[in-house]
Amino acid sequence: MILNKIKNYLESFIEIIGKSIAWLTLFMVLVTFLIVVLRYVFGIGWIALQESVVWMHAAVFMLGASYTLRYDEHVRVDIFYRDMSLKRRAMVDFLGTVLFLIPFSLFTLFSSWDYVASSWMIREASREVGGLPFPFYSILKSFIPLMASTLIIQSIVIIIKSSSILLAKCNIENKA
C-alpha cells in the first residue's frame, strides 16, 4: 500500500533526525565540562562557548520534538487514554493531530517565517561581546520553522497510522 510506504519513509526521516540530534546531548555535556574546567581551573571564560551550549540545547529540544512524538514519549495527560481500546486511542490520536497539532505547527511555521528571514537578512549575531558570530543566531532561529515542519511530517505519520487502525477496525466490524 502506498500510504504504508509514505509512512515508512517519513518515519525513517524522523528517525535519522532524532538519532543525529541525540549526539548533540553528548557534545553538550562535553562542552559544559570544558566550560567548567576552563572557568574554575584556568580562570578562563568564553561567552561563545557558553552560548553554544544554549544553542545545542535548543537544537535538541526543537529538532527532537518530532522524534519524541514518534515514540509517544511526549508529555501527555493520559488519565483516560491509557485505559482506552486501540480504536479509541487511534481516534484520540487522529483528532488531536488534526485539530491541535497540525494547526499549531502551521501557525508556528507561518508566524516564525518573517522572524527567521529578518534574522538572516540582518546577519544577526550575539549581542554579547565575544558571543557567537553570524550565522549562529540565524541558525538558532531557523530551528523554529524546522521544528514545525518536522512536527507536520510526524503528524502525517500519526494520521496514516490512526486511519489504518480505524479503517481496519471498521472492516472487521463490517465483515462480522
N, C-alpha and C. Protein backbone atom coordinates (compact mmCIF):
# COMPACT_ATOMS: atom_id res chain seq x y z
N MET A 1 0.84 -1.18 0.00
CA MET A 1 0.00 0.00 0.00
C MET A 1 0.89 1.24 0.00
N ILE A 2 0.51 2.23 -0.80
CA ILE A 2 1.34 3.42 -0.96
C ILE A 2 1.41 4.25 0.32
N LEU A 3 0.32 4.29 1.07
CA LEU A 3 0.33 5.04 2.33
C LEU A 3 1.32 4.45 3.32
N ASN A 4 1.45 3.13 3.31
CA ASN A 4 2.41 2.48 4.19
C ASN A 4 3.84 2.84 3.81
N LYS A 5 4.10 2.92 2.51
CA LYS A 5 5.44 3.31 2.04
C LYS A 5 5.74 4.75 2.43
N ILE A 6 4.76 5.62 2.30
CA ILE A 6 4.94 7.03 2.68
C ILE A 6 5.21 7.12 4.18
N LYS A 7 4.41 6.39 4.96
CA LYS A 7 4.58 6.38 6.41
C LYS A 7 5.97 5.90 6.79
N ASN A 8 6.42 4.81 6.18
CA ASN A 8 7.75 4.27 6.49
C ASN A 8 8.87 5.25 6.11
N TYR A 9 8.71 5.89 4.97
CA TYR A 9 9.71 6.86 4.52
C TYR A 9 9.78 8.04 5.49
N LEU A 10 8.61 8.58 5.85
CA LEU A 10 8.59 9.72 6.77
C LEU A 10 9.11 9.34 8.15
N GLU A 11 8.76 8.14 8.62
CA GLU A 11 9.26 7.69 9.91
C GLU A 11 10.78 7.52 9.90
N SER A 12 11.31 7.02 8.80
CA SER A 12 12.77 6.86 8.73
C SER A 12 13.46 8.22 8.69
N PHE A 13 12.83 9.20 8.06
CA PHE A 13 13.38 10.56 8.05
C PHE A 13 13.43 11.13 9.46
N ILE A 14 12.34 10.99 10.21
CA ILE A 14 12.28 11.47 11.59
C ILE A 14 13.29 10.70 12.45
N GLU A 15 13.43 9.42 12.19
CA GLU A 15 14.39 8.59 12.93
C GLU A 15 15.82 9.10 12.73
N ILE A 16 16.16 9.42 11.50
CA ILE A 16 17.51 9.94 11.20
C ILE A 16 17.75 11.25 11.92
N ILE A 17 16.76 12.14 11.88
CA ILE A 17 16.89 13.43 12.57
C ILE A 17 17.06 13.21 14.08
N GLY A 18 16.22 12.35 14.65
CA GLY A 18 16.28 12.10 16.09
C GLY A 18 17.59 11.50 16.54
N LYS A 19 18.07 10.51 15.82
CA LYS A 19 19.33 9.88 16.21
C LYS A 19 20.52 10.81 15.99
N SER A 20 20.44 11.62 14.96
CA SER A 20 21.53 12.58 14.71
C SER A 20 21.57 13.65 15.79
N ILE A 21 20.42 14.18 16.13
CA ILE A 21 20.36 15.26 17.11
C ILE A 21 20.69 14.74 18.51
N ALA A 22 20.48 13.46 18.75
CA ALA A 22 20.80 12.89 20.06
C ALA A 22 22.29 12.99 20.37
N TRP A 23 23.11 12.96 19.34
CA TRP A 23 24.56 13.10 19.56
C TRP A 23 24.92 14.47 20.11
N LEU A 24 24.08 15.46 19.87
CA LEU A 24 24.34 16.79 20.43
C LEU A 24 24.30 16.78 21.95
N THR A 25 23.51 15.88 22.54
CA THR A 25 23.45 15.84 24.01
C THR A 25 24.81 15.46 24.58
N LEU A 26 25.48 14.51 23.97
CA LEU A 26 26.82 14.13 24.41
C LEU A 26 27.78 15.30 24.24
N PHE A 27 27.70 15.95 23.09
CA PHE A 27 28.57 17.10 22.83
C PHE A 27 28.28 18.23 23.82
N MET A 28 27.00 18.43 24.18
CA MET A 28 26.63 19.44 25.17
C MET A 28 27.28 19.16 26.52
N VAL A 29 27.27 17.89 26.93
CA VAL A 29 27.89 17.52 28.20
C VAL A 29 29.39 17.79 28.16
N LEU A 30 30.02 17.43 27.06
CA LEU A 30 31.46 17.64 26.93
C LEU A 30 31.82 19.12 26.92
N VAL A 31 31.05 19.93 26.22
CA VAL A 31 31.31 21.37 26.18
C VAL A 31 31.06 21.99 27.55
N THR A 32 30.01 21.55 28.23
CA THR A 32 29.73 22.06 29.58
C THR A 32 30.88 21.70 30.52
N PHE A 33 31.37 20.48 30.43
CA PHE A 33 32.53 20.06 31.23
C PHE A 33 33.73 20.94 30.93
N LEU A 34 33.97 21.21 29.65
CA LEU A 34 35.08 22.06 29.24
C LEU A 34 34.93 23.47 29.80
N ILE A 35 33.71 24.01 29.76
CA ILE A 35 33.45 25.34 30.31
C ILE A 35 33.80 25.39 31.80
N VAL A 36 33.37 24.37 32.54
CA VAL A 36 33.63 24.32 33.98
C VAL A 36 35.12 24.22 34.25
N VAL A 37 35.81 23.35 33.54
CA VAL A 37 37.26 23.19 33.74
C VAL A 37 37.99 24.49 33.39
N LEU A 38 37.65 25.08 32.26
CA LEU A 38 38.31 26.32 31.87
C LEU A 38 38.06 27.43 32.88
N ARG A 39 36.83 27.49 33.37
CA ARG A 39 36.45 28.56 34.29
C ARG A 39 37.08 28.40 35.67
N TYR A 40 36.98 27.20 36.25
CA TYR A 40 37.40 27.02 37.64
C TYR A 40 38.82 26.53 37.82
N VAL A 41 39.40 25.95 36.78
CA VAL A 41 40.78 25.50 36.89
C VAL A 41 41.74 26.55 36.31
N PHE A 42 41.36 27.10 35.16
CA PHE A 42 42.26 28.03 34.47
C PHE A 42 41.81 29.49 34.55
N GLY A 43 40.62 29.76 35.08
CA GLY A 43 40.12 31.12 35.19
C GLY A 43 39.78 31.77 33.85
N ILE A 44 39.44 30.95 32.87
CA ILE A 44 39.12 31.43 31.53
C ILE A 44 37.62 31.25 31.28
N GLY A 45 36.99 32.29 30.77
CA GLY A 45 35.58 32.19 30.42
C GLY A 45 35.35 32.64 28.99
N TRP A 46 34.66 31.84 28.21
CA TRP A 46 34.34 32.19 26.83
C TRP A 46 32.83 32.26 26.67
N ILE A 47 32.35 33.45 26.37
CA ILE A 47 30.91 33.64 26.18
C ILE A 47 30.40 32.78 25.03
N ALA A 48 31.16 32.72 23.94
CA ALA A 48 30.72 31.95 22.77
C ALA A 48 30.54 30.48 23.12
N LEU A 49 31.42 29.95 23.95
CA LEU A 49 31.31 28.55 24.35
C LEU A 49 30.05 28.34 25.20
N GLN A 50 29.79 29.28 26.10
CA GLN A 50 28.59 29.18 26.93
C GLN A 50 27.33 29.31 26.08
N GLU A 51 27.34 30.22 25.12
CA GLU A 51 26.19 30.37 24.25
C GLU A 51 25.98 29.14 23.38
N SER A 52 27.07 28.47 23.03
CA SER A 52 26.93 27.27 22.19
C SER A 52 26.17 26.16 22.90
N VAL A 53 26.28 26.09 24.23
CA VAL A 53 25.52 25.08 24.98
C VAL A 53 24.02 25.38 24.89
N VAL A 54 23.66 26.64 25.01
CA VAL A 54 22.26 27.05 24.88
C VAL A 54 21.77 26.74 23.46
N TRP A 55 22.60 27.02 22.48
CA TRP A 55 22.30 26.76 21.07
C TRP A 55 22.05 25.27 20.85
N MET A 56 22.93 24.43 21.40
CA MET A 56 22.77 22.98 21.24
C MET A 56 21.52 22.48 21.96
N HIS A 57 21.24 23.05 23.14
CA HIS A 57 20.05 22.64 23.89
C HIS A 57 18.79 22.97 23.09
N ALA A 58 18.76 24.13 22.47
CA ALA A 58 17.62 24.50 21.64
C ALA A 58 17.46 23.54 20.47
N ALA A 59 18.58 23.16 19.87
CA ALA A 59 18.54 22.22 18.74
C ALA A 59 17.98 20.88 19.18
N VAL A 60 18.45 20.39 20.32
CA VAL A 60 17.98 19.10 20.83
C VAL A 60 16.48 19.17 21.14
N PHE A 61 16.07 20.21 21.80
CA PHE A 61 14.66 20.35 22.18
C PHE A 61 13.77 20.49 20.96
N MET A 62 14.12 21.40 20.07
CA MET A 62 13.22 21.73 18.96
C MET A 62 13.26 20.69 17.84
N LEU A 63 14.44 20.22 17.50
CA LEU A 63 14.53 19.24 16.42
C LEU A 63 14.23 17.82 16.92
N GLY A 64 14.29 17.62 18.23
CA GLY A 64 13.96 16.32 18.79
C GLY A 64 12.49 16.14 19.12
N ALA A 65 11.70 17.18 18.96
CA ALA A 65 10.27 17.11 19.31
C ALA A 65 9.53 16.07 18.49
N SER A 66 9.78 16.04 17.20
CA SER A 66 9.07 15.08 16.34
C SER A 66 9.52 13.64 16.62
N TYR A 67 10.79 13.47 16.95
CA TYR A 67 11.31 12.14 17.31
C TYR A 67 10.66 11.66 18.61
N THR A 68 10.52 12.57 19.56
CA THR A 68 9.87 12.25 20.83
C THR A 68 8.41 11.88 20.60
N LEU A 69 7.74 12.62 19.74
CA LEU A 69 6.35 12.34 19.40
C LEU A 69 6.23 10.99 18.69
N ARG A 70 7.19 10.67 17.85
CA ARG A 70 7.18 9.40 17.11
C ARG A 70 7.12 8.22 18.06
N TYR A 71 7.83 8.31 19.17
CA TYR A 71 7.87 7.22 20.13
C TYR A 71 6.87 7.40 21.28
N ASP A 72 5.97 8.36 21.13
CA ASP A 72 4.92 8.61 22.12
C ASP A 72 5.51 8.87 23.50
N GLU A 73 6.64 9.59 23.54
CA GLU A 73 7.32 9.90 24.79
C GLU A 73 7.10 11.35 25.21
N HIS A 74 6.23 12.05 24.49
CA HIS A 74 5.93 13.43 24.84
C HIS A 74 5.07 13.48 26.09
N VAL A 75 4.93 14.66 26.65
CA VAL A 75 4.12 14.83 27.85
C VAL A 75 2.66 14.68 27.45
N ARG A 76 2.00 13.78 28.13
CA ARG A 76 0.60 13.52 27.81
C ARG A 76 -0.14 13.33 29.14
N VAL A 77 -1.25 14.01 29.28
CA VAL A 77 -2.10 13.80 30.44
C VAL A 77 -3.06 12.69 30.04
N ASP A 78 -2.68 11.47 30.41
CA ASP A 78 -3.45 10.33 29.91
C ASP A 78 -4.25 9.63 31.00
N ILE A 79 -5.07 10.40 31.67
CA ILE A 79 -5.92 9.83 32.71
C ILE A 79 -6.85 8.78 32.11
N PHE A 80 -7.37 9.06 30.94
CA PHE A 80 -8.30 8.15 30.29
C PHE A 80 -7.66 7.37 29.15
N TYR A 81 -6.68 7.98 28.50
CA TYR A 81 -6.09 7.42 27.27
C TYR A 81 -5.51 6.02 27.48
N ARG A 82 -4.77 5.82 28.55
CA ARG A 82 -4.10 4.53 28.75
C ARG A 82 -5.07 3.36 28.93
N ASP A 83 -6.28 3.65 29.38
CA ASP A 83 -7.27 2.59 29.58
C ASP A 83 -8.21 2.42 28.38
N MET A 84 -8.01 3.21 27.34
CA MET A 84 -8.87 3.12 26.16
C MET A 84 -8.49 1.94 25.29
N SER A 85 -9.45 1.54 24.47
CA SER A 85 -9.18 0.49 23.49
C SER A 85 -8.29 1.06 22.39
N LEU A 86 -7.74 0.18 21.59
CA LEU A 86 -6.86 0.59 20.48
C LEU A 86 -7.60 1.52 19.52
N LYS A 87 -8.86 1.22 19.24
CA LYS A 87 -9.66 2.03 18.33
C LYS A 87 -9.90 3.44 18.89
N ARG A 88 -10.21 3.51 20.17
CA ARG A 88 -10.44 4.83 20.78
C ARG A 88 -9.15 5.64 20.86
N ARG A 89 -8.03 4.99 21.16
CA ARG A 89 -6.74 5.70 21.17
C ARG A 89 -6.41 6.22 19.78
N ALA A 90 -6.70 5.41 18.77
CA ALA A 90 -6.46 5.85 17.39
C ALA A 90 -7.33 7.06 17.06
N MET A 91 -8.57 7.07 17.54
CA MET A 91 -9.47 8.20 17.31
C MET A 91 -8.95 9.45 18.02
N VAL A 92 -8.50 9.31 19.26
CA VAL A 92 -7.95 10.44 20.00
C VAL A 92 -6.69 10.97 19.30
N ASP A 93 -5.82 10.07 18.88
CA ASP A 93 -4.60 10.48 18.17
C ASP A 93 -4.94 11.21 16.87
N PHE A 94 -5.88 10.65 16.12
CA PHE A 94 -6.29 11.26 14.85
C PHE A 94 -6.86 12.66 15.08
N LEU A 95 -7.84 12.76 15.97
CA LEU A 95 -8.48 14.06 16.22
C LEU A 95 -7.52 15.06 16.84
N GLY A 96 -6.70 14.61 17.78
CA GLY A 96 -5.72 15.51 18.39
C GLY A 96 -4.73 16.05 17.39
N THR A 97 -4.34 15.20 16.47
CA THR A 97 -3.39 15.62 15.43
C THR A 97 -4.03 16.60 14.46
N VAL A 98 -5.24 16.27 14.00
CA VAL A 98 -5.91 17.11 13.00
C VAL A 98 -6.38 18.44 13.61
N LEU A 99 -6.91 18.39 14.83
CA LEU A 99 -7.50 19.59 15.42
C LEU A 99 -6.50 20.47 16.17
N PHE A 100 -5.42 19.88 16.68
CA PHE A 100 -4.50 20.65 17.51
C PHE A 100 -3.07 20.71 16.96
N LEU A 101 -2.46 19.55 16.70
CA LEU A 101 -1.05 19.53 16.33
C LEU A 101 -0.77 20.19 14.98
N ILE A 102 -1.54 19.84 13.98
CA ILE A 102 -1.31 20.43 12.66
C ILE A 102 -1.60 21.93 12.66
N PRO A 103 -2.73 22.40 13.20
CA PRO A 103 -2.93 23.86 13.24
C PRO A 103 -1.84 24.60 14.02
N PHE A 104 -1.42 24.05 15.16
CA PHE A 104 -0.34 24.66 15.94
C PHE A 104 0.95 24.71 15.12
N SER A 105 1.28 23.62 14.47
CA SER A 105 2.51 23.56 13.68
C SER A 105 2.47 24.52 12.50
N LEU A 106 1.33 24.58 11.82
CA LEU A 106 1.19 25.51 10.70
C LEU A 106 1.28 26.96 11.17
N PHE A 107 0.63 27.26 12.28
CA PHE A 107 0.71 28.61 12.85
C PHE A 107 2.15 28.96 13.19
N THR A 108 2.85 28.05 13.84
CA THR A 108 4.25 28.28 14.21
C THR A 108 5.11 28.47 12.97
N LEU A 109 4.91 27.62 11.98
CA LEU A 109 5.68 27.71 10.75
C LEU A 109 5.49 29.06 10.07
N PHE A 110 4.26 29.47 9.86
CA PHE A 110 3.99 30.71 9.13
C PHE A 110 4.29 31.96 9.96
N SER A 111 4.03 31.92 11.24
CA SER A 111 4.28 33.12 12.06
C SER A 111 5.77 33.33 12.34
N SER A 112 6.57 32.29 12.24
CA SER A 112 8.01 32.44 12.50
C SER A 112 8.79 32.79 11.24
N TRP A 113 8.16 32.68 10.10
CA TRP A 113 8.87 32.85 8.83
C TRP A 113 9.56 34.22 8.72
N ASP A 114 8.83 35.30 8.96
CA ASP A 114 9.41 36.65 8.86
C ASP A 114 10.48 36.88 9.93
N TYR A 115 10.23 36.36 11.11
CA TYR A 115 11.18 36.48 12.23
C TYR A 115 12.53 35.85 11.85
N VAL A 116 12.48 34.68 11.28
CA VAL A 116 13.70 33.98 10.87
C VAL A 116 14.33 34.66 9.66
N ALA A 117 13.51 35.05 8.70
CA ALA A 117 14.03 35.70 7.49
C ALA A 117 14.74 37.00 7.83
N SER A 118 14.17 37.78 8.74
CA SER A 118 14.82 39.05 9.11
C SER A 118 16.14 38.80 9.84
N SER A 119 16.22 37.73 10.60
CA SER A 119 17.48 37.38 11.27
C SER A 119 18.57 37.08 10.25
N TRP A 120 18.22 36.35 9.21
CA TRP A 120 19.17 36.06 8.14
C TRP A 120 19.52 37.32 7.35
N MET A 121 18.51 38.18 7.13
CA MET A 121 18.74 39.39 6.34
C MET A 121 19.71 40.35 7.02
N ILE A 122 19.58 40.49 8.33
CA ILE A 122 20.46 41.44 9.03
C ILE A 122 21.74 40.77 9.53
N ARG A 123 21.88 39.49 9.19
CA ARG A 123 23.07 38.73 9.60
C ARG A 123 23.28 38.80 11.12
N GLU A 124 22.23 38.40 11.83
CA GLU A 124 22.19 38.53 13.28
C GLU A 124 23.27 37.68 13.97
N ALA A 125 23.92 38.31 14.91
CA ALA A 125 24.94 37.64 15.73
C ALA A 125 24.61 37.92 17.19
N SER A 126 25.40 37.39 18.08
CA SER A 126 25.18 37.58 19.50
C SER A 126 25.32 39.04 19.89
N ARG A 127 24.57 39.46 20.88
CA ARG A 127 24.68 40.82 21.41
C ARG A 127 25.83 40.93 22.39
N GLU A 128 26.30 39.79 22.87
CA GLU A 128 27.39 39.76 23.85
C GLU A 128 28.73 39.92 23.15
N VAL A 129 29.62 40.68 23.77
CA VAL A 129 30.98 40.79 23.25
C VAL A 129 31.64 39.42 23.41
N GLY A 130 32.17 38.90 22.33
CA GLY A 130 32.78 37.58 22.38
C GLY A 130 31.78 36.45 22.22
N GLY A 131 30.53 36.80 21.89
CA GLY A 131 29.49 35.78 21.71
C GLY A 131 29.58 35.14 20.34
N LEU A 132 28.62 34.30 20.04
CA LEU A 132 28.61 33.59 18.77
C LEU A 132 28.43 34.57 17.60
N PRO A 133 29.22 34.43 16.57
CA PRO A 133 29.10 35.33 15.41
C PRO A 133 27.98 34.87 14.48
N PHE A 134 27.73 35.67 13.44
CA PHE A 134 26.83 35.24 12.39
C PHE A 134 27.41 33.97 11.79
N PRO A 135 26.67 32.97 11.44
CA PRO A 135 25.22 32.84 11.31
C PRO A 135 24.56 32.08 12.45
N PHE A 136 25.24 31.91 13.58
CA PHE A 136 24.72 31.03 14.62
C PHE A 136 23.35 31.44 15.15
N TYR A 137 23.09 32.73 15.34
CA TYR A 137 21.79 33.13 15.84
C TYR A 137 20.71 32.95 14.79
N SER A 138 21.06 33.14 13.54
CA SER A 138 20.09 32.90 12.47
C SER A 138 19.78 31.41 12.35
N ILE A 139 20.79 30.58 12.52
CA ILE A 139 20.56 29.12 12.52
C ILE A 139 19.66 28.75 13.69
N LEU A 140 19.96 29.33 14.86
CA LEU A 140 19.17 29.05 16.05
C LEU A 140 17.70 29.38 15.82
N LYS A 141 17.44 30.53 15.24
CA LYS A 141 16.05 30.92 14.98
C LYS A 141 15.42 30.06 13.90
N SER A 142 16.23 29.51 13.01
CA SER A 142 15.72 28.63 11.95
C SER A 142 15.19 27.32 12.50
N PHE A 143 15.57 26.98 13.73
CA PHE A 143 15.04 25.76 14.35
C PHE A 143 13.53 25.85 14.57
N ILE A 144 13.00 27.06 14.67
CA ILE A 144 11.56 27.21 14.92
C ILE A 144 10.73 26.67 13.76
N PRO A 145 10.94 27.16 12.52
CA PRO A 145 10.16 26.57 11.43
C PRO A 145 10.56 25.12 11.12
N LEU A 146 11.81 24.76 11.39
CA LEU A 146 12.21 23.36 11.20
C LEU A 146 11.45 22.44 12.16
N MET A 147 11.29 22.89 13.41
CA MET A 147 10.52 22.10 14.37
C MET A 147 9.09 21.93 13.89
N ALA A 148 8.49 23.03 13.44
CA ALA A 148 7.11 22.96 12.96
C ALA A 148 7.00 22.03 11.75
N SER A 149 7.98 22.08 10.87
CA SER A 149 7.96 21.22 9.68
C SER A 149 8.08 19.74 10.04
N THR A 150 8.99 19.43 10.95
CA THR A 150 9.14 18.02 11.34
C THR A 150 7.92 17.53 12.12
N LEU A 151 7.28 18.42 12.87
CA LEU A 151 6.04 18.02 13.55
C LEU A 151 4.92 17.75 12.55
N ILE A 152 4.88 18.52 11.47
CA ILE A 152 3.89 18.27 10.42
C ILE A 152 4.16 16.92 9.76
N ILE A 153 5.43 16.63 9.52
CA ILE A 153 5.79 15.32 8.94
C ILE A 153 5.34 14.20 9.87
N GLN A 154 5.62 14.34 11.16
CA GLN A 154 5.21 13.31 12.11
C GLN A 154 3.70 13.25 12.23
N SER A 155 3.02 14.38 12.05
CA SER A 155 1.56 14.40 12.06
C SER A 155 0.98 13.54 10.94
N ILE A 156 1.60 13.61 9.78
CA ILE A 156 1.16 12.79 8.65
C ILE A 156 1.28 11.32 9.01
N VAL A 157 2.38 10.95 9.66
CA VAL A 157 2.58 9.56 10.09
C VAL A 157 1.48 9.15 11.07
N ILE A 158 1.18 10.01 12.03
CA ILE A 158 0.15 9.70 13.03
C ILE A 158 -1.21 9.53 12.36
N ILE A 159 -1.52 10.40 11.41
CA ILE A 159 -2.80 10.31 10.70
C ILE A 159 -2.89 9.01 9.92
N ILE A 160 -1.81 8.63 9.24
CA ILE A 160 -1.81 7.37 8.48
C ILE A 160 -1.98 6.18 9.43
N LYS A 161 -1.22 6.16 10.53
CA LYS A 161 -1.33 5.05 11.49
C LYS A 161 -2.73 4.98 12.10
N SER A 162 -3.23 6.10 12.55
CA SER A 162 -4.56 6.13 13.18
C SER A 162 -5.64 5.71 12.20
N SER A 163 -5.53 6.23 10.99
CA SER A 163 -6.53 5.89 9.97
C SER A 163 -6.52 4.40 9.65
N SER A 164 -5.32 3.83 9.56
CA SER A 164 -5.25 2.40 9.24
C SER A 164 -5.83 1.56 10.38
N ILE A 165 -5.64 1.99 11.60
CA ILE A 165 -6.24 1.27 12.74
C ILE A 165 -7.75 1.41 12.70
N LEU A 166 -8.22 2.63 12.48
CA LEU A 166 -9.67 2.86 12.44
C LEU A 166 -10.32 2.15 11.26
N LEU A 167 -9.69 2.17 10.11
CA LEU A 167 -10.24 1.50 8.93
C LEU A 167 -10.18 -0.02 9.07
N ALA A 168 -9.14 -0.53 9.69
CA ALA A 168 -9.04 -1.97 9.91
C ALA A 168 -10.14 -2.43 10.87
N LYS A 169 -10.39 -1.66 11.89
CA LYS A 169 -11.45 -2.00 12.84
C LYS A 169 -12.81 -1.94 12.16
N CYS A 170 -13.00 -0.92 11.29
CA CYS A 170 -14.29 -0.81 10.58
C CYS A 170 -14.48 -1.99 9.63
N ASN A 171 -13.43 -2.39 8.94
CA ASN A 171 -13.53 -3.53 8.03
C ASN A 171 -13.85 -4.82 8.76
N ILE A 172 -13.27 -5.01 9.94
CA ILE A 172 -13.53 -6.21 10.75
C ILE A 172 -14.99 -6.20 11.21
N GLU A 173 -15.47 -5.02 11.67
CA GLU A 173 -16.84 -4.92 12.15
C GLU A 173 -17.83 -5.11 11.00
N ASN A 174 -17.51 -4.59 9.80
CA ASN A 174 -18.41 -4.73 8.66
C ASN A 174 -18.50 -6.18 8.17
N LYS A 175 -17.43 -6.93 8.30
CA LYS A 175 -17.43 -8.32 7.87
C LYS A 175 -18.19 -9.21 8.83
N ALA A 176 -18.30 -8.79 10.08
CA ALA A 176 -18.96 -9.63 11.08
C ALA A 176 -20.44 -9.53 11.02
